[in-house]
C-alpha cells in the first residue's frame, strides 16, 4: 500500500491510497456490507454513487458461507461481483458486542454463534487466515474492545491482550505476504478512555510498523465530548504519513470533527440501517419519512440532492412504500442516504484542497443542525 497526502488544511488532509484494486481518495466513507452485500443495494449502485472501497465482516462471512467457499469462488471480490477495494474487519467488534456469548483470553476468543449457538474459536492467526482467504485489500488485526465504564484494570487487561494479538497478527500477515497474499494490515489503538493507556496503545501500533492505523473503542456509549477529546488526542499520536481510520463513525457531525483532526477513513452501518427504518438525511437535517405530514408532500427528500431518488420520487411515494413494506423503499432510501454521505465526503475533499475546510464544516453543520427538516 502507498499513501500520499495531496493537500493539508490545518490537520485536515486529502490523500490517495494505492491498493490492490485501485485508488481510494481520502477522506473516504466505506459502506458496510456485513454479509458481502451492502443491504438493499447492488454493487452497480455503489459504483454509480462513486464508492471506491467497501467494508465486509470477517465474523459473519466465517460463519456463513465460510471462507473456504468464498476462496473457491475466486475470492470475495468475485463472489460479490465487486472489482474495487474491500476492507474486512477482524470480528473484534462482534466479539465485543456478543459479550454474553464469548470468553476471551490471551489465546483468542471462544464464542457461540448468534445463528445456531455452535461454539467457535477466533485467534489472531485465524483471523489473518480468514481474511487472507477472502482476499481482503485491507485486513484488520483482532482486537479486544473494553466497554465504556470499564475499570482501569479491565482496560489494562484488554490492552495487553490486544497488544499481544497485534504481534501475532503482524507475524502471520507477513508470512501470508511471503506466500503471495497482497493485502495490507491495519493495527488498532485501544486503551478505553484512559489517556495514558491510549498513548501506550498508540505507541505500540506505531512501533509495529503496520501500513495503516485505526482508532478503535470509540462510540461505545461514552458522552460526545469525551469521544471528541479522546479522538483528538489519539489522532495527534499517530504518524502523519500513514492512513488513519476511525471505526464505526457515520454521522456528519462526527465525521466532520474527525476530518478536522486528520482522520482519513470511516465506516458505519447507520446510514443504511436508518434508511430501512424510515430516517433519511438532508442538508437541512435528517427526518422520519413515515410521519403523517409527508403523506401528501410531493417534493423530493432533499431539493439540493442530485441523486436519482430525489430526481425521480416524492416523499409521499416513498412514505407509501415504507408504510406498505415494499422492498423498493429500502432500495431507494438506502441509495439516497449513501449518496448523501458520499457527497459530504466529496465536499470535504474539495474544501480541504481549496484551504477552506473549517468554513465548509461550519456552514454545513449550521444548516444541518438547525435546519427546518431536522427530525420532521
Protein backbone atom coordinates (compact mmCIF):
# COMPACT_ATOMS: atom_id res chain seq x y z
CA UNK A 1 0.00 0.00 0.00
CA UNK A 2 1.11 3.51 -0.82
CA UNK A 3 -0.48 6.53 0.82
CA UNK A 4 0.28 10.02 -0.37
CA UNK A 5 -1.06 13.22 1.17
CA UNK A 6 -2.11 15.58 -1.61
CA UNK A 7 -3.15 18.64 0.40
CA UNK A 8 -3.35 19.82 4.01
CA UNK A 9 -5.61 22.43 5.58
CA UNK A 10 -4.68 22.55 9.24
CA UNK A 11 -4.77 18.93 10.41
CA UNK A 12 -7.37 18.00 7.78
CA UNK A 13 -5.87 16.40 4.70
CA UNK A 14 -6.70 14.83 1.37
CA UNK A 15 -4.81 11.83 0.12
CA UNK A 16 -4.68 8.86 -2.22
CA UNK A 17 -4.50 5.25 -1.07
CA UNK A 18 -2.99 2.95 -3.69
CA UNK A 19 -4.45 -0.51 -3.04
CA UNK A 20 -4.58 -3.78 -4.95
CA UNK A 21 -7.91 -2.91 -6.58
CA UNK A 22 -7.25 0.71 -7.46
CA UNK A 23 -7.02 4.16 -5.92
CA UNK A 24 -9.05 5.40 -2.97
CA UNK A 25 -9.39 9.15 -2.49
CA UNK A 26 -9.41 10.21 1.15
CA UNK A 27 -11.12 11.26 3.35
CA UNK A 28 -13.44 8.37 2.47
CA UNK A 29 -16.59 6.75 3.82
CA UNK A 30 -16.86 2.98 3.38
CA UNK A 31 -20.37 1.48 3.13
CA UNK A 32 -20.74 -1.64 5.26
CA UNK A 33 -21.50 -4.91 3.51
CA UNK A 34 -21.64 -7.16 6.56
CA UNK A 35 -22.52 -10.38 4.74
CA UNK A 36 -20.84 -9.45 1.49
CA UNK A 37 -23.62 -7.08 0.46
CA UNK A 38 -24.50 -3.51 1.34
CA UNK A 39 -28.11 -4.13 2.29
CA UNK A 40 -30.69 -3.28 -0.41
CA UNK A 41 -28.06 -2.12 -2.93
CA UNK A 42 -26.24 -3.75 -5.82
CA UNK A 43 -22.54 -3.31 -6.47
CA UNK A 44 -23.63 -1.38 -9.56
CA UNK A 45 -25.47 1.07 -7.31
CA UNK A 46 -22.34 1.57 -5.22
CA UNK A 47 -20.23 2.25 -8.31
CA UNK A 48 -22.85 4.63 -9.65
CA UNK A 49 -22.72 6.62 -6.41
CA UNK A 50 -18.92 6.67 -6.62
CA UNK A 51 -17.61 4.45 -3.84
CA UNK A 52 -14.07 3.12 -4.26
CA UNK A 53 -13.97 0.84 -1.21
CA UNK A 54 -16.49 -1.05 0.92
CA UNK A 55 -16.26 -2.99 4.18
CA UNK A 56 -17.21 -6.61 4.83
CA UNK A 57 -17.27 -8.57 8.07
CA UNK A 58 -14.89 -11.42 8.83
CA UNK A 59 -17.01 -12.86 11.64
CA UNK A 60 -20.18 -13.10 9.60
CA UNK A 61 -18.51 -14.42 6.44
CA UNK A 62 -16.64 -17.00 8.51
CA UNK A 63 -19.94 -18.30 9.88
CA UNK A 64 -21.80 -18.07 6.57
CA UNK A 65 -20.93 -19.15 3.90
CA UNK A 66 -17.43 -19.88 5.25
CA UNK A 67 -14.16 -18.51 3.95
CA UNK A 68 -13.34 -21.70 2.03
CA UNK A 69 -16.42 -21.32 -0.16
CA UNK A 70 -15.51 -17.71 -0.84
CA UNK A 71 -11.96 -18.73 -1.65
CA UNK A 72 -13.16 -21.40 -4.09
CA UNK A 73 -15.23 -18.77 -5.88
CA UNK A 74 -12.06 -16.80 -6.57
CA UNK A 75 -12.15 -14.58 -3.50
CA UNK A 76 -14.59 -12.12 -2.05
CA UNK A 77 -14.32 -9.66 -4.96
CA UNK A 78 -15.54 -12.26 -7.45
CA UNK A 79 -18.01 -13.77 -5.01
CA UNK A 80 -19.86 -10.47 -4.59
CA UNK A 81 -19.11 -9.02 -8.06
CA UNK A 82 -17.10 -6.03 -6.80
CA UNK A 83 -13.87 -5.14 -8.61
CA UNK A 84 -12.90 -2.28 -6.34
CA UNK A 85 -11.34 -2.39 -2.88
CA UNK A 86 -12.59 -4.25 0.19
CA UNK A 87 -11.60 -3.74 3.83
CA UNK A 88 -12.54 -6.55 6.20
CA UNK A 89 -12.77 -6.05 9.92
CA UNK A 90 -11.40 -8.78 12.14
CA UNK A 91 -14.53 -9.73 14.06
CA UNK A 92 -13.29 -7.98 17.18
CA UNK A 93 -16.31 -5.70 17.45
CA UNK A 94 -18.71 -8.62 17.02
CA UNK A 95 -16.90 -10.45 19.81
CA UNK A 96 -17.28 -7.29 21.90
CA UNK A 97 -20.99 -6.96 21.14
CA UNK A 98 -21.65 -10.66 21.85
CA UNK A 99 -20.37 -10.33 25.41
CA UNK A 100 -22.91 -12.83 26.76
CA UNK A 101 -21.79 -15.43 24.21
CA UNK A 102 -18.00 -15.31 24.43
CA UNK A 103 -14.93 -15.75 26.62
CA UNK A 104 -11.64 -14.00 25.91
CA UNK A 105 -8.11 -14.83 26.98
CA UNK A 106 -4.61 -14.34 25.64
CA UNK A 107 -5.04 -17.20 23.15
CA UNK A 108 -8.13 -15.77 21.48
CA UNK A 109 -11.90 -15.68 21.81
CA UNK A 110 -14.25 -18.61 22.28
CA UNK A 111 -17.77 -17.65 21.29
CA UNK A 112 -21.16 -19.04 20.46
CA UNK A 113 -22.63 -18.36 17.06
CA UNK A 114 -25.54 -15.94 17.18
CA UNK A 115 -27.07 -18.07 14.40
CA UNK A 116 -27.22 -21.55 15.87
CA UNK A 117 -25.34 -21.49 19.18
CA UNK A 118 -22.40 -23.53 17.85
CA UNK A 119 -19.03 -22.87 19.51
CA UNK A 120 -16.12 -21.33 17.64
CA UNK A 121 -12.63 -20.06 18.35
CA UNK A 122 -11.02 -16.98 16.82
CA UNK A 123 -7.33 -16.26 17.34
CA UNK A 124 -5.14 -13.59 15.73
CA UNK A 125 -3.70 -16.25 13.47
CA UNK A 126 -7.11 -17.50 12.41
CA UNK A 127 -8.48 -14.05 11.63
CA UNK A 128 -5.49 -13.38 9.34
CA UNK A 129 -6.06 -16.75 7.65
CA UNK A 130 -9.76 -15.99 7.12
CA UNK A 131 -9.14 -12.51 5.75
CA UNK A 132 -6.35 -13.81 3.52
CA UNK A 133 -8.70 -16.46 2.13
CA UNK A 134 -11.29 -13.76 1.47
CA UNK A 135 -8.67 -11.75 -0.41
CA UNK A 136 -9.12 -8.51 1.54
CA UNK A 137 -7.31 -5.44 0.26
CA UNK A 138 -7.05 -4.23 3.86
CA UNK A 139 -7.42 -6.51 6.84
CA UNK A 140 -7.72 -5.52 10.47
CA UNK A 141 -5.98 -7.02 13.46
CA UNK A 142 -8.08 -8.90 16.02
CA UNK A 143 -8.56 -6.58 18.98
CA UNK A 144 -10.27 -6.58 22.38
CA UNK A 145 -12.53 -3.57 22.87
CA UNK A 146 -13.34 -2.81 26.51
CA UNK A 147 -16.72 -1.11 27.14
CA UNK A 148 -17.49 2.43 28.28
CA UNK A 149 -17.37 2.44 32.07
CA UNK A 150 -14.79 -0.34 32.32
CA UNK A 151 -12.38 -0.15 35.24
CA UNK A 152 -8.75 0.72 34.67
CA UNK A 153 -7.80 -2.89 35.39
CA UNK A 154 -10.25 -4.16 32.77
CA UNK A 155 -8.87 -1.65 30.27
CA UNK A 156 -5.28 -2.71 31.02
CA UNK A 157 -6.10 -6.38 30.51
CA UNK A 158 -7.87 -5.64 27.22
CA UNK A 159 -4.93 -3.53 26.03
CA UNK A 160 -2.37 -6.19 26.98
CA UNK A 161 -4.36 -8.81 25.06
CA UNK A 162 -4.79 -6.50 22.05
CA UNK A 163 -1.06 -5.79 22.00
CA UNK A 164 -0.22 -9.48 22.18
CA UNK A 165 -2.69 -10.17 19.39
CA UNK A 166 -1.11 -7.42 17.25
CA UNK A 167 2.33 -9.01 17.43
CA UNK A 168 0.92 -12.36 16.41
CA UNK A 169 -1.27 -10.82 13.73
CA UNK A 170 1.64 -9.00 12.12
CA UNK A 171 3.82 -12.13 12.14
CA UNK A 172 1.07 -14.19 10.49
CA UNK A 173 0.27 -11.43 7.97
CA UNK A 174 3.94 -11.15 6.96
CA UNK A 175 4.02 -14.90 6.43
CA UNK A 176 0.95 -14.61 4.20
CA UNK A 177 2.68 -11.87 2.18
CA UNK A 178 5.62 -14.20 1.58
CA UNK A 179 3.15 -16.80 0.29
CA UNK A 180 1.61 -14.46 -2.28
CA UNK A 181 -1.08 -12.50 -0.44
CA UNK A 182 -1.11 -8.82 -1.45
CA UNK A 183 -3.41 -7.16 1.09
CA UNK A 184 -2.44 -4.68 3.77
CA UNK A 185 -2.83 -4.66 7.56
CA UNK A 186 -4.09 -2.02 9.98
CA UNK A 187 -3.37 -2.12 13.70
CA UNK A 188 -5.95 -0.75 16.17
CA UNK A 189 -5.45 1.72 19.02
CA UNK A 190 -7.35 0.74 22.17
CA UNK A 191 -6.93 1.81 25.81
CA UNK A 192 -10.52 2.74 26.65
CA UNK A 193 -10.83 6.33 27.94
CA UNK A 194 -7.62 6.38 29.98
CA UNK A 195 -5.24 8.86 28.28
CA UNK A 196 -2.04 7.09 29.30
CA UNK A 197 -3.36 3.72 28.09
CA UNK A 198 -4.37 5.31 24.79
CA UNK A 199 -0.86 6.70 24.43
CA UNK A 200 0.68 3.34 25.26
CA UNK A 201 -1.50 1.62 22.68
CA UNK A 202 -0.78 4.24 20.01
CA UNK A 203 2.96 3.83 20.56
CA UNK A 204 2.66 0.05 20.22
CA UNK A 205 0.74 0.44 16.96
CA UNK A 206 3.29 2.90 15.57
CA UNK A 207 6.19 0.66 16.56
CA UNK A 208 4.53 -2.35 14.93
CA UNK A 209 5.01 -0.72 11.53
CA UNK A 210 1.64 -1.73 10.07
CA UNK A 211 0.78 0.14 6.84
CA UNK A 212 -2.21 1.87 8.48
CA UNK A 213 -3.58 2.51 11.96
CA UNK A 214 -7.18 2.56 13.19
CA UNK A 215 -8.61 4.15 16.32
CA UNK A 216 -11.00 1.72 17.98
CA UNK A 217 -13.01 1.64 21.16
CA UNK A 218 -14.95 4.83 20.45
CA UNK A 219 -18.69 5.44 20.08
CA UNK A 220 -19.43 2.73 22.65
CA UNK A 221 -21.77 4.76 24.84
CA UNK A 222 -19.45 7.49 26.10
CA UNK A 223 -20.51 11.18 26.25
CA UNK A 224 -19.99 13.02 22.98
CA UNK A 225 -17.46 15.48 24.41
CA UNK A 226 -15.34 12.64 25.78
CA UNK A 227 -15.44 10.99 22.38
CA UNK A 228 -14.21 14.20 20.74
CA UNK A 229 -11.40 14.65 23.28
CA UNK A 230 -10.25 11.03 23.05
CA UNK A 231 -10.28 11.05 19.26
CA UNK A 232 -8.32 14.30 19.03
CA UNK A 233 -5.68 13.06 21.47
CA UNK A 234 -5.32 9.68 19.75
CA UNK A 235 -5.09 11.18 16.27
CA UNK A 236 -2.29 13.51 17.39
CA UNK A 237 -0.24 10.49 18.47
CA UNK A 238 -0.27 8.85 15.03
CA UNK A 239 2.33 9.38 12.29
CA UNK A 240 1.40 11.88 9.59
CA UNK A 241 2.47 9.63 6.73
CA UNK A 242 0.10 6.73 7.48
CA UNK A 243 -3.65 6.49 6.80
CA UNK A 244 -5.82 6.87 9.91
CA UNK A 245 -9.15 5.12 10.29
CA UNK A 246 -11.86 5.70 12.90
CA UNK A 247 -14.08 2.66 13.12
CA UNK A 248 -17.88 2.78 13.31
CA UNK A 249 -18.46 6.51 12.68
CA UNK A 250 -21.13 7.59 10.19
CA UNK A 251 -23.00 10.79 11.12
CA UNK A 252 -21.99 14.13 9.56
CA UNK A 253 -21.06 15.90 12.81
CA UNK A 254 -18.76 13.07 13.95
CA UNK A 255 -17.18 12.69 10.51
CA UNK A 256 -16.50 16.41 10.12
CA UNK A 257 -14.95 16.62 13.58
CA UNK A 258 -12.71 13.65 12.84
CA UNK A 259 -11.58 15.03 9.48
CA UNK A 260 -10.61 18.26 11.25
CA UNK A 261 -8.23 16.14 13.36
CA UNK A 262 -6.66 14.37 10.38
CA UNK A 263 -8.73 11.19 10.08
CA UNK A 264 -8.90 9.64 6.61
CA UNK A 265 -11.29 6.69 6.71
CA UNK A 266 -14.75 5.97 8.14
CA UNK A 267 -17.41 3.26 8.12
CA UNK A 268 -20.79 2.75 9.74
CA UNK A 269 -23.96 0.68 9.25
CA UNK A 270 -26.14 3.56 10.42
CA UNK A 271 -26.79 5.15 7.02
CA UNK A 272 -28.45 2.09 5.51
CA UNK A 273 -29.97 0.87 8.77
CA UNK A 274 -31.66 4.21 9.36
CA UNK A 275 -32.83 4.30 5.76
CA UNK A 276 -34.56 0.95 6.16
CA UNK A 277 -36.21 2.24 9.33
CA UNK A 278 -37.60 5.36 7.66
CA UNK A 279 -34.99 8.01 8.54
CA UNK A 280 -33.38 9.92 5.70
CA UNK A 281 -30.72 12.62 5.52
CA UNK A 282 -30.90 16.11 4.01
CA UNK A 283 -28.73 19.20 4.04
CA UNK A 284 -31.22 20.69 6.50
CA UNK A 285 -31.12 17.73 8.84
CA UNK A 286 -32.45 14.17 8.99
CA UNK A 287 -36.16 13.41 9.26
CA UNK A 288 -38.59 10.48 9.51
CA UNK A 289 -40.39 9.81 6.24
CA UNK A 290 -43.06 7.75 7.99
CA UNK A 291 -44.63 10.79 9.68
CA UNK A 292 -48.10 11.87 8.56
CA UNK A 293 -47.04 15.27 7.22
CA UNK A 294 -45.14 13.53 4.42
CA UNK A 295 -48.22 11.67 3.14
CA UNK A 296 -49.11 14.43 0.67
CA UNK A 297 -45.68 16.03 0.26
CA UNK A 298 -44.73 15.62 -3.40
CA UNK A 299 -41.33 17.24 -3.09
CA UNK A 300 -38.12 15.15 -3.12
CA UNK A 301 -36.34 14.04 0.04
CA UNK A 302 -33.81 16.84 -0.46
CA UNK A 303 -34.23 19.55 -3.12
CA UNK A 304 -30.45 20.06 -3.13
CA UNK A 305 -29.64 16.40 -3.72
CA UNK A 306 -28.74 15.27 -7.25
CA UNK A 307 -29.26 11.53 -6.65
CA UNK A 308 -31.67 9.63 -8.89
CA UNK A 309 -34.06 9.04 -5.98
CA UNK A 310 -34.51 12.76 -5.37
CA UNK A 311 -34.82 13.39 -9.11
CA UNK A 312 -37.50 10.75 -9.67
CA UNK A 313 -39.52 10.13 -6.49
CA UNK A 314 -41.52 12.16 -3.96
CA UNK A 315 -41.64 11.97 -0.19
CA UNK A 316 -45.28 10.95 -0.46
CA UNK A 317 -44.45 7.97 -2.68
CA UNK A 318 -41.52 6.88 -0.54
CA UNK A 319 -43.67 7.10 2.59
CA UNK A 320 -46.28 4.98 0.85
CA UNK A 321 -43.65 2.34 0.02
CA UNK A 322 -42.43 2.38 3.62
CA UNK A 323 -45.94 2.00 5.05
CA UNK A 324 -46.77 -0.87 2.70
CA UNK A 325 -43.43 -2.57 3.46
CA UNK A 326 -42.38 -2.63 -0.18
CA UNK A 327 -38.81 -3.79 -0.82
CA UNK A 328 -38.32 -0.90 -3.22
CA UNK A 329 -38.48 1.53 -0.29
CA UNK A 330 -35.32 0.13 1.33
CA UNK A 331 -33.51 0.21 -2.00
CA UNK A 332 -34.35 3.84 -2.74
CA UNK A 333 -33.87 5.21 0.78
CA UNK A 334 -30.56 3.38 1.22
CA UNK A 335 -29.32 4.69 -2.12
CA UNK A 336 -30.19 8.25 -1.12
CA UNK A 337 -28.55 8.09 2.32
CA UNK A 338 -25.32 6.66 0.91
CA UNK A 339 -25.32 9.21 -1.91
CA UNK A 340 -25.73 11.95 0.71
CA UNK A 341 -22.77 10.79 2.80
CA UNK A 342 -20.57 10.27 -0.26
CA UNK A 343 -21.35 13.81 -1.42
CA UNK A 344 -20.45 15.10 2.05
CA UNK A 345 -17.02 13.44 1.80
CA UNK A 346 -16.56 14.78 -1.72
CA UNK A 347 -17.37 18.25 -0.40
CA UNK A 348 -14.82 17.79 2.39
CA UNK A 349 -12.10 16.82 -0.07
CA UNK A 350 -12.85 19.81 -2.27
CA UNK A 351 -12.88 22.18 0.71
CA UNK A 352 -9.53 20.88 2.00
CA UNK A 353 -7.98 21.25 -1.45
CA UNK A 354 -9.25 24.83 -1.55
CA UNK A 355 -7.99 25.54 2.02
CA UNK A 356 -11.47 26.30 3.37
CA UNK A 357 -12.36 23.18 5.34
CA UNK A 358 -13.27 24.88 8.64
CA UNK A 359 -15.56 27.26 6.79
CA UNK A 360 -17.18 24.34 4.97
CA UNK A 361 -17.65 22.44 8.22
CA UNK A 362 -19.19 25.45 9.98
CA UNK A 363 -21.61 26.20 7.15
CA UNK A 364 -22.65 22.59 6.68
CA UNK A 365 -23.31 21.96 10.38
CA UNK A 366 -25.11 25.28 10.84
CA UNK A 367 -27.69 24.24 8.27
CA UNK A 368 -27.71 20.57 9.20
CA UNK A 369 -28.23 21.06 12.94
CA UNK A 370 -30.61 23.99 12.71
CA UNK A 371 -32.43 23.11 9.51
CA UNK A 372 -36.16 23.00 9.15
CA UNK A 373 -36.14 19.32 8.24
CA UNK A 374 -34.43 18.26 11.45
CA UNK A 375 -36.42 15.27 12.72
CA UNK A 376 -39.53 16.42 10.82
